[in-house]
Amino acid sequence: MEYHFTPKGVCSTRFHAEVDEEGRVGSLTIENGCNGNGKGIGSLVRGMSVDEIIERLDGIKCGRKNTSCPDQIAKMMAEIKREMSAAG
């Protein structure tokens, strides 16, 4: 399934993810922000479970900000997890 997320408090403006019915990420793309970091994170999370991504990325901060792109990705994955649970 395809998901879209608008992050808050970071340079990136939009995340796009494909997640299969088992909760594994097939792809993650990040619009704007740090191009190389976005591509790197997208490559690293490919094949990972939503739960593992949340566990690894939740709470990471960027400089003085209270969040970061990885933290916002964790928030996206938590939202996806809720949607998948609600769909049954």
PDB file of N, CA and C in Angstrom:
ATOM      1  N   MET A   1       0.841  -1.171   0.000  1.00  0.00           N
ATOM      2  CA  MET A   1       0.000   0.000   0.000  1.00  0.00           C
ATOM      3  C   MET A   1       0.891   1.241   0.000  1.00  0.00           C
ATOM      4  N   GLU A   2       0.428   2.297  -0.604  1.00  0.00           N
ATOM      5  CA  GLU A   2       1.163   3.552  -0.672  1.00  0.00           C
ATOM      6  C   GLU A   2       0.690   4.507   0.419  1.00  0.00           C
ATOM      7  N   TYR A   3       1.658   5.145   1.063  1.00  0.00           N
ATOM      8  CA  TYR A   3       1.361   6.105   2.122  1.00  0.00           C
ATOM      9  C   TYR A   3       2.123   7.394   1.856  1.00  0.00           C
ATOM     10  N   HIS A   4       1.538   8.509   2.299  1.00  0.00           N
ATOM     11  CA  HIS A   4       2.152   9.822   2.154  1.00  0.00           C
ATOM     12  C   HIS A   4       2.074  10.529   3.500  1.00  0.00           C
ATOM     13  N   PHE A   5       3.090  11.311   3.809  1.00  0.00           N
ATOM     14  CA  PHE A   5       3.179  11.950   5.116  1.00  0.00           C
ATOM     15  C   PHE A   5       3.848  13.307   4.959  1.00  0.00           C
ATOM     16  N   THR A   6       3.312  14.318   5.631  1.00  0.00           N
ATOM     17  CA  THR A   6       3.911  15.643   5.646  1.00  0.00           C
ATOM     18  C   THR A   6       4.623  15.823   6.988  1.00  0.00           C
ATOM     19  N   PRO A   7       5.958  15.823   6.972  1.00  0.00           N
ATOM     20  CA  PRO A   7       6.702  15.969   8.225  1.00  0.00           C
ATOM     21  C   PRO A   7       6.606  17.391   8.768  1.00  0.00           C
ATOM     22  N   LYS A   8       6.843  17.517  10.061  1.00  0.00           N
ATOM     23  CA  LYS A   8       6.789  18.820  10.719  1.00  0.00           C
ATOM     24  C   LYS A   8       8.132  19.107  11.387  1.00  0.00           C
ATOM     25  N   GLY A   9       8.589  20.362  11.284  1.00  0.00           N
ATOM     26  CA  GLY A   9       9.787  20.794  11.984  1.00  0.00           C
ATOM     27  C   GLY A   9      11.103  20.407  11.339  1.00  0.00           C
ATOM     28  N   VAL A  10      11.068  19.969  10.068  1.00  0.00           N
ATOM     29  CA  VAL A  10      12.284  19.571   9.353  1.00  0.00           C
ATOM     30  C   VAL A  10      12.298  20.211   7.963  1.00  0.00           C
ATOM     31  N   CYS A  11      13.425  20.099   7.297  1.00  0.00           N
ATOM     32  CA  CYS A  11      13.580  20.691   5.960  1.00  0.00           C
ATOM     33  C   CYS A  11      12.794  19.923   4.892  1.00  0.00           C
ATOM     34  N   SER A  12      12.669  18.624   5.059  1.00  0.00           N
ATOM     35  CA  SER A  12      11.930  17.809   4.088  1.00  0.00           C
ATOM     36  C   SER A  12      10.466  18.203   4.104  1.00  0.00           C
ATOM     37  N   THR A  13       9.816  18.080   2.944  1.00  0.00           N
ATOM     38  CA  THR A  13       8.426  18.537   2.843  1.00  0.00           C
ATOM     39  C   THR A  13       7.407  17.413   2.678  1.00  0.00           C
ATOM     40  N   ARG A  14       7.850  16.231   2.254  1.00  0.00           N
ATOM     41  CA  ARG A  14       6.902  15.135   2.038  1.00  0.00           C
ATOM     42  C   ARG A  14       7.659  13.817   2.011  1.00  0.00           C
ATOM     43  N   PHE A  15       7.055  12.787   2.619  1.00  0.00           N
ATOM     44  CA  PHE A  15       7.586  11.421   2.581  1.00  0.00           C
ATOM     45  C   PHE A  15       6.581  10.546   1.845  1.00  0.00           C
ATOM     46  N   HIS A  16       7.091   9.592   1.087  1.00  0.00           N
ATOM     47  CA  HIS A  16       6.256   8.619   0.381  1.00  0.00           C
ATOM     48  C   HIS A  16       6.806   7.229   0.700  1.00  0.00           C
ATOM     49  N   ALA A  17       5.921   6.316   1.068  1.00  0.00           N
ATOM     50  CA  ALA A  17       6.368   4.958   1.391  1.00  0.00           C
ATOM     51  C   ALA A  17       5.420   3.936   0.799  1.00  0.00           C
ATOM     52  N   GLU A  18       5.992   2.814   0.417  1.00  0.00           N
ATOM     53  CA  GLU A  18       5.211   1.644   0.038  1.00  0.00           C
ATOM     54  C   GLU A  18       5.479   0.595   1.093  1.00  0.00           C
ATOM     55  N   VAL A  19       4.398   0.092   1.687  1.00  0.00           N
ATOM     56  CA  VAL A  19       4.496  -0.896   2.756  1.00  0.00           C
ATOM     57  C   VAL A  19       3.593  -2.062   2.394  1.00  0.00           C
ATOM     58  N   ASP A  20       4.130  -3.285   2.480  1.00  0.00           N
ATOM     59  CA  ASP A  20       3.319  -4.452   2.127  1.00  0.00           C
ATOM     60  C   ASP A  20       2.406  -4.851   3.280  1.00  0.00           C
ATOM     61  N   GLU A  21       1.556  -5.834   3.044  1.00  0.00           N
ATOM     62  CA  GLU A  21       0.566  -6.258   4.034  1.00  0.00           C
ATOM     63  C   GLU A  21       1.193  -6.858   5.289  1.00  0.00           C
ATOM     64  N   GLU A  22       2.462  -7.242   5.215  1.00  0.00           N
ATOM     65  CA  GLU A  22       3.173  -7.781   6.382  1.00  0.00           C
ATOM     66  C   GLU A  22       3.879  -6.688   7.176  1.00  0.00           C
ATOM     67  N   GLY A  23       3.771  -5.436   6.717  1.00  0.00           N
ATOM     68  CA  GLY A  23       4.374  -4.325   7.431  1.00  0.00           C
ATOM     69  C   GLY A  23       5.841  -4.111   7.105  1.00  0.00           C
ATOM     70  N   ARG A  24       6.276  -4.521   5.919  1.00  0.00           N
ATOM     71  CA  ARG A  24       7.660  -4.316   5.480  1.00  0.00           C
ATOM     72  C   ARG A  24       7.700  -3.210   4.428  1.00  0.00           C
ATOM     73  N   VAL A  25       8.680  -2.354   4.551  1.00  0.00           N
ATOM     74  CA  VAL A  25       8.814  -1.210   3.642  1.00  0.00           C
ATOM     75  C   VAL A  25       9.465  -1.659   2.338  1.00  0.00           C
ATOM     76  N   GLY A  26       8.794  -1.371   1.239  1.00  0.00           N
ATOM     77  CA  GLY A  26       9.337  -1.659  -0.083  1.00  0.00           C
ATOM     78  C   GLY A  26      10.132  -0.482  -0.611  1.00  0.00           C
ATOM     79  N   SER A  27       9.678   0.731  -0.277  1.00  0.00           N
ATOM     80  CA  SER A  27      10.401   1.929  -0.687  1.00  0.00           C
ATOM     81  C   SER A  27      10.013   3.084   0.218  1.00  0.00           C
ATOM     82  N   LEU A  28      10.949   4.027   0.336  1.00  0.00           N
ATOM     83  CA  LEU A  28      10.710   5.269   1.054  1.00  0.00           C
ATOM     84  C   LEU A  28      11.445   6.365   0.295  1.00  0.00           C
ATOM     85  N   THR A  29      10.718   7.396  -0.112  1.00  0.00           N
ATOM     86  CA  THR A  29      11.340   8.540  -0.763  1.00  0.00           C
ATOM     87  C   THR A  29      11.018   9.797   0.035  1.00  0.00           C
ATOM     88  N   ILE A  30      11.969  10.730   0.002  1.00  0.00           N
ATOM     89  CA  ILE A  30      11.864  11.961   0.775  1.00  0.00           C
ATOM     90  C   ILE A  30      12.013  13.138  -0.181  1.00  0.00           C
ATOM     91  N   GLU A  31      11.056  14.061  -0.129  1.00  0.00           N
ATOM     92  CA  GLU A  31      11.121  15.258  -0.962  1.00  0.00           C
ATOM     93  C   GLU A  31      11.819  16.368  -0.199  1.00  0.00           C
ATOM     94  N   ASN A  32      12.758  17.035  -0.890  1.00  0.00           N
ATOM     95  CA  ASN A  32      13.513  18.163  -0.351  1.00  0.00           C
ATOM     96  C   ASN A  32      14.376  17.727   0.832  1.00  0.00           C
ATOM     97  N   GLY A  33      14.886  18.656   1.588  1.00  0.00           N
ATOM     98  CA  GLY A  33      15.801  18.318   2.669  1.00  0.00           C
ATOM     99  C   GLY A  33      17.163  17.918   2.134  1.00  0.00           C
ATOM    100  N   CYS A  34      17.917  17.178   2.903  1.00  0.00           N
ATOM    101  CA  CYS A  34      19.269  16.738   2.538  1.00  0.00           C
ATOM    102  C   CYS A  34      19.173  15.555   1.581  1.00  0.00           C
ATOM    103  N   ASN A  35      19.437  15.801   0.321  1.00  0.00           N
ATOM    104  CA  ASN A  35      19.239  14.808  -0.735  1.00  0.00           C
ATOM    105  C   ASN A  35      19.961  13.488  -0.453  1.00  0.00           C
ATOM    106  N   GLY A  36      21.238  13.558  -0.131  1.00  0.00           N
ATOM    107  CA  GLY A  36      22.008  12.340   0.110  1.00  0.00           C
ATOM    108  C   GLY A  36      21.519  11.578   1.332  1.00  0.00           C
ATOM    109  N   ASN A  37      21.237  12.302   2.406  1.00  0.00           N
ATOM    110  CA  ASN A  37      20.732  11.648   3.611  1.00  0.00           C
ATOM    111  C   ASN A  37      19.376  11.005   3.357  1.00  0.00           C
ATOM    112  N   GLY A  38      18.519  11.704   2.630  1.00  0.00           N
ATOM    113  CA  GLY A  38      17.202  11.145   2.313  1.00  0.00           C
ATOM    114  C   GLY A  38      17.304   9.870   1.511  1.00  0.00           C
ATOM    115  N   LYS A  39      18.177   9.875   0.504  1.00  0.00           N
ATOM    116  CA  LYS A  39      18.370   8.667  -0.301  1.00  0.00           C
ATOM    117  C   LYS A  39      18.977   7.546   0.535  1.00  0.00           C
ATOM    118  N   GLY A  40      19.923   7.911   1.411  1.00  0.00           N
ATOM    119  CA  GLY A  40      20.557   6.912   2.265  1.00  0.00           C
ATOM    120  C   GLY A  40      19.574   6.269   3.224  1.00  0.00           C
ATOM    121  N   ILE A  41      18.757   7.081   3.871  1.00  0.00           N
ATOM    122  CA  ILE A  41      17.758   6.549   4.798  1.00  0.00           C
ATOM    123  C   ILE A  41      16.773   5.660   4.045  1.00  0.00           C
ATOM    124  N   GLY A  42      16.334   6.118   2.874  1.00  0.00           N
ATOM    125  CA  GLY A  42      15.405   5.319   2.067  1.00  0.00           C
ATOM    126  C   GLY A  42      15.992   3.966   1.730  1.00  0.00           C
ATOM    127  N   SER A  43      17.264   3.935   1.400  1.00  0.00           N
ATOM    128  CA  SER A  43      17.937   2.675   1.075  1.00  0.00           C
ATOM    129  C   SER A  43      18.076   1.782   2.306  1.00  0.00           C
ATOM    130  N   LEU A  44      18.417   2.378   3.437  1.00  0.00           N
ATOM    131  CA  LEU A  44      18.617   1.604   4.663  1.00  0.00           C
ATOM    132  C   LEU A  44      17.330   0.962   5.186  1.00  0.00           C
ATOM    133  N   VAL A  45      16.195   1.650   5.067  1.00  0.00           N
ATOM    134  CA  VAL A  45      14.958   1.103   5.638  1.00  0.00           C
ATOM    135  C   VAL A  45      14.259   0.116   4.702  1.00  0.00           C
ATOM    136  N   ARG A  46      14.693   0.055   3.450  1.00  0.00           N
ATOM    137  CA  ARG A  46      14.066  -0.871   2.504  1.00  0.00           C
ATOM    138  C   ARG A  46      14.152  -2.306   3.046  1.00  0.00           C
ATOM    139  N   GLY A  47      13.020  -2.962   3.136  1.00  0.00           N
ATOM    140  CA  GLY A  47      12.956  -4.333   3.633  1.00  0.00           C
ATOM    141  C   GLY A  47      12.756  -4.441   5.134  1.00  0.00           C
ATOM    142  N   MET A  48      12.887  -3.328   5.852  1.00  0.00           N
ATOM    143  CA  MET A  48      12.701  -3.347   7.299  1.00  0.00           C
ATOM    144  C   MET A  48      11.212  -3.312   7.644  1.00  0.00           C
ATOM    145  N   SER A  49      10.893  -3.806   8.834  1.00  0.00           N
ATOM    146  CA  SER A  49       9.511  -3.739   9.299  1.00  0.00           C
ATOM    147  C   SER A  49       9.226  -2.349   9.860  1.00  0.00           C
ATOM    148  N   VAL A  50       7.968  -1.986   9.823  1.00  0.00           N
ATOM    149  CA  VAL A  50       7.517  -0.719  10.386  1.00  0.00           C
ATOM    150  C   VAL A  50       7.953  -0.634  11.846  1.00  0.00           C
ATOM    151  N   ASP A  51       7.795  -1.709  12.606  1.00  0.00           N
ATOM    152  CA  ASP A  51       8.164  -1.707  14.025  1.00  0.00           C
ATOM    153  C   ASP A  51       9.657  -1.470  14.226  1.00  0.00           C
ATOM    154  N   GLU A  52      10.493  -2.091  13.416  1.00  0.00           N
ATOM    155  CA  GLU A  52      11.936  -1.916  13.543  1.00  0.00           C
ATOM    156  C   GLU A  52      12.348  -0.481  13.227  1.00  0.00           C
ATOM    157  N   ILE A  53      11.721   0.110  12.233  1.00  0.00           N
ATOM    158  CA  ILE A  53      12.023   1.498  11.881  1.00  0.00           C
ATOM    159  C   ILE A  53      11.655   2.422  13.035  1.00  0.00           C
ATOM    160  N   ILE A  54      10.491   2.213  13.612  1.00  0.00           N
ATOM    161  CA  ILE A  54      10.059   3.032  14.752  1.00  0.00           C
ATOM    162  C   ILE A  54      11.067   2.899  15.889  1.00  0.00           C
ATOM    163  N   GLU A  55      11.440   1.670  16.204  1.00  0.00           N
ATOM    164  CA  GLU A  55      12.373   1.407  17.302  1.00  0.00           C
ATOM    165  C   GLU A  55      13.724   2.097  17.078  1.00  0.00           C
ATOM    166  N   ARG A  56      14.224   2.077  15.854  1.00  0.00           N
ATOM    167  CA  ARG A  56      15.549   2.616  15.558  1.00  0.00           C
ATOM    168  C   ARG A  56      15.581   4.137  15.389  1.00  0.00           C
ATOM    169  N   LEU A  57      14.501   4.731  14.888  1.00  0.00           N
ATOM    170  CA  LEU A  57      14.548   6.144  14.514  1.00  0.00           C
ATOM    171  C   LEU A  57      13.806   7.089  15.456  1.00  0.00           C
ATOM    172  N   ASP A  58      12.900   6.578  16.257  1.00  0.00           N
ATOM    173  CA  ASP A  58      12.094   7.428  17.130  1.00  0.00           C
ATOM    174  C   ASP A  58      12.973   8.208  18.104  1.00  0.00           C
ATOM    175  N   GLY A  59      12.754   9.507  18.176  1.00  0.00           N
ATOM    176  CA  GLY A  59      13.427  10.343  19.155  1.00  0.00           C
ATOM    177  C   GLY A  59      14.749  10.944  18.709  1.00  0.00           C
ATOM    178  N   ILE A  60      15.222  10.623  17.507  1.00  0.00           N
ATOM    179  CA  ILE A  60      16.470  11.212  17.022  1.00  0.00           C
ATOM    180  C   ILE A  60      16.243  12.701  16.769  1.00  0.00           C
ATOM    181  N   LYS A  61      17.168  13.512  17.229  1.00  0.00           N
ATOM    182  CA  LYS A  61      17.053  14.964  17.065  1.00  0.00           C
ATOM    183  C   LYS A  61      18.093  15.464  16.076  1.00  0.00           C
ATOM    184  N   CYS A  62      17.831  16.636  15.495  1.00  0.00           N
ATOM    185  CA  CYS A  62      18.744  17.271  14.549  1.00  0.00           C
ATOM    186  C   CYS A  62      19.172  18.608  15.141  1.00  0.00           C
ATOM    187  N   GLY A  63      20.416  18.679  15.586  1.00  0.00           N
ATOM    188  CA  GLY A  63      20.902  19.917  16.184  1.00  0.00           C
ATOM    189  C   GLY A  63      20.051  20.335  17.359  1.00  0.00           C
ATOM    190  N   ARG A  64      19.580  21.568  17.330  1.00  0.00           N
ATOM    191  CA  ARG A  64      18.757  22.091  18.430  1.00  0.00           C
ATOM    192  C   ARG A  64      17.272  21.797  18.254  1.00  0.00           C
ATOM    193  N   LYS A  65      16.921  21.210  17.125  1.00  0.00           N
ATOM    194  CA  LYS A  65      15.512  20.876  16.873  1.00  0.00           C
ATOM    195  C   LYS A  65      15.087  19.714  17.767  1.00  0.00           C
ATOM    196  N   ASN A  66      13.816  19.658  18.080  1.00  0.00           N
ATOM    197  CA  ASN A  66      13.279  18.564  18.886  1.00  0.00           C
ATOM    198  C   ASN A  66      12.948  17.340  18.050  1.00  0.00           C
ATOM    199  N   THR A  67      13.214  17.398  16.759  1.00  0.00           N
ATOM    200  CA  THR A  67      12.894  16.308  15.852  1.00  0.00           C
ATOM    201  C   THR A  67      13.963  16.259  14.765  1.00  0.00           C
ATOM    202  N   SER A  68      13.795  15.359  13.825  1.00  0.00           N
ATOM    203  CA  SER A  68      14.704  15.202  12.683  1.00  0.00           C
ATOM    204  C   SER A  68      13.944  14.449  11.612  1.00  0.00           C
ATOM    205  N   CYS A  69      14.528  14.322  10.429  1.00  0.00           N
ATOM    206  CA  CYS A  69      13.880  13.508   9.399  1.00  0.00           C
ATOM    207  C   CYS A  69      13.720  12.053   9.863  1.00  0.00           C
ATOM    208  N   PRO A  70      14.747  11.435  10.473  1.00  0.00           N
ATOM    209  CA  PRO A  70      14.537  10.066  10.963  1.00  0.00           C
ATOM    210  C   PRO A  70      13.395   9.985  11.983  1.00  0.00           C
ATOM    211  N   ASP A  71      13.318  10.940  12.899  1.00  0.00           N
ATOM    212  CA  ASP A  71      12.239  10.950  13.888  1.00  0.00           C
ATOM    213  C   ASP A  71      10.887  11.107  13.206  1.00  0.00           C
ATOM    214  N   GLN A  72      10.810  11.967  12.196  1.00  0.00           N
ATOM    215  CA  GLN A  72       9.564  12.149  11.456  1.00  0.00           C
ATOM    216  C   GLN A  72       9.196  10.886  10.674  1.00  0.00           C
ATOM    217  N   ILE A  73      10.194  10.160  10.181  1.00  0.00           N
ATOM    218  CA  ILE A  73       9.928   8.872   9.516  1.00  0.00           C
ATOM    219  C   ILE A  73       9.335   7.899  10.529  1.00  0.00           C
ATOM    220  N   ALA A  74       9.862   7.882  11.749  1.00  0.00           N
ATOM    221  CA  ALA A  74       9.298   7.022  12.800  1.00  0.00           C
ATOM    222  C   ALA A  74       7.840   7.396  13.058  1.00  0.00           C
ATOM    223  N   LYS A  75       7.543   8.688  13.053  1.00  0.00           N
ATOM    224  CA  LYS A  75       6.153   9.129  13.253  1.00  0.00           C
ATOM    225  C   LYS A  75       5.275   8.674  12.087  1.00  0.00           C
ATOM    226  N   MET A  76       5.803   8.737  10.881  1.00  0.00           N
ATOM    227  CA  MET A  76       5.065   8.245   9.725  1.00  0.00           C
ATOM    228  C   MET A  76       4.773   6.754   9.876  1.00  0.00           C
ATOM    229  N   MET A  77       5.788   5.997  10.288  1.00  0.00           N
ATOM    230  CA  MET A  77       5.623   4.550  10.434  1.00  0.00           C
ATOM    231  C   MET A  77       4.612   4.214  11.531  1.00  0.00           C
ATOM    232  N   ALA A  78       4.591   5.006  12.604  1.00  0.00           N
ATOM    233  CA  ALA A  78       3.600   4.802  13.663  1.00  0.00           C
ATOM    234  C   ALA A  78       2.190   5.048  13.125  1.00  0.00           C
ATOM    235  N   GLU A  79       2.058   6.058  12.280  1.00  0.00           N
ATOM    236  CA  GLU A  79       0.762   6.347  11.652  1.00  0.00           C
ATOM    237  C   GLU A  79       0.349   5.200  10.723  1.00  0.00           C
ATOM    238  N   ILE A  80       1.293   4.691   9.954  1.00  0.00           N
ATOM    239  CA  ILE A  80       1.020   3.555   9.063  1.00  0.00           C
ATOM    240  C   ILE A  80       0.597   2.348   9.881  1.00  0.00           C
ATOM    241  N   LYS A  81       1.294   2.092  10.979  1.00  0.00           N
ATOM    242  CA  LYS A  81       0.967   0.954  11.851  1.00  0.00           C
ATOM    243  C   LYS A  81      -0.467   1.072  12.370  1.00  0.00           C
ATOM    244  N   ARG A  82      -0.855   2.287  12.795  1.00  0.00           N
ATOM    245  CA  ARG A  82      -2.223   2.494  13.272  1.00  0.00           C
ATOM    246  C   ARG A  82      -3.243   2.234  12.167  1.00  0.00           C
ATOM    247  N   GLU A  83      -2.948   2.736  10.956  1.00  0.00           N
ATOM    248  CA  GLU A  83      -3.862   2.535   9.828  1.00  0.00           C
ATOM    249  C   GLU A  83      -3.980   1.053   9.475  1.00  0.00           C
ATOM    250  N   MET A  84      -2.861   0.340   9.511  1.00  0.00           N
ATOM    251  CA  MET A  84      -2.891  -1.085   9.193  1.00  0.00           C
ATOM    252  C   MET A  84      -3.677  -1.861  10.236  1.00  0.00           C
ATOM    253  N   SER A  85      -3.524  -1.482  11.507  1.00  0.00           N
ATOM    254  CA  SER A  85      -4.261  -2.155  12.593  1.00  0.00           C
ATOM    255  C   SER A  85      -5.757  -1.894  12.478  1.00  0.00           C
ATOM    256  N   ALA A  86      -6.117  -0.657  12.122  1.00  0.00           N
ATOM    257  CA  ALA A  86      -7.536  -0.293  11.988  1.00  0.00           C
ATOM    258  C   ALA A  86      -8.181  -1.023  10.807  1.00  0.00           C
ATOM    259  N   ALA A  87      -7.373  -1.279   9.763  1.00  0.00           N
ATOM    260  CA  ALA A  87      -7.904  -1.968   8.576  1.00  0.00           C
ATOM    261  C   ALA A  87      -8.094  -3.456   8.833  1.00  0.00           C
ATOM    262  N   GLY A  88      -7.462  -3.939   9.895  1.00  0.00           N
ATOM    263  CA  GLY A  88      -7.632  -5.327  10.302  1.00  0.00           C
ATOM    264  C   GLY A  88      -6.732  -6.236   9.609  1.00  0.00           C
TER     265      GLY A  88
END
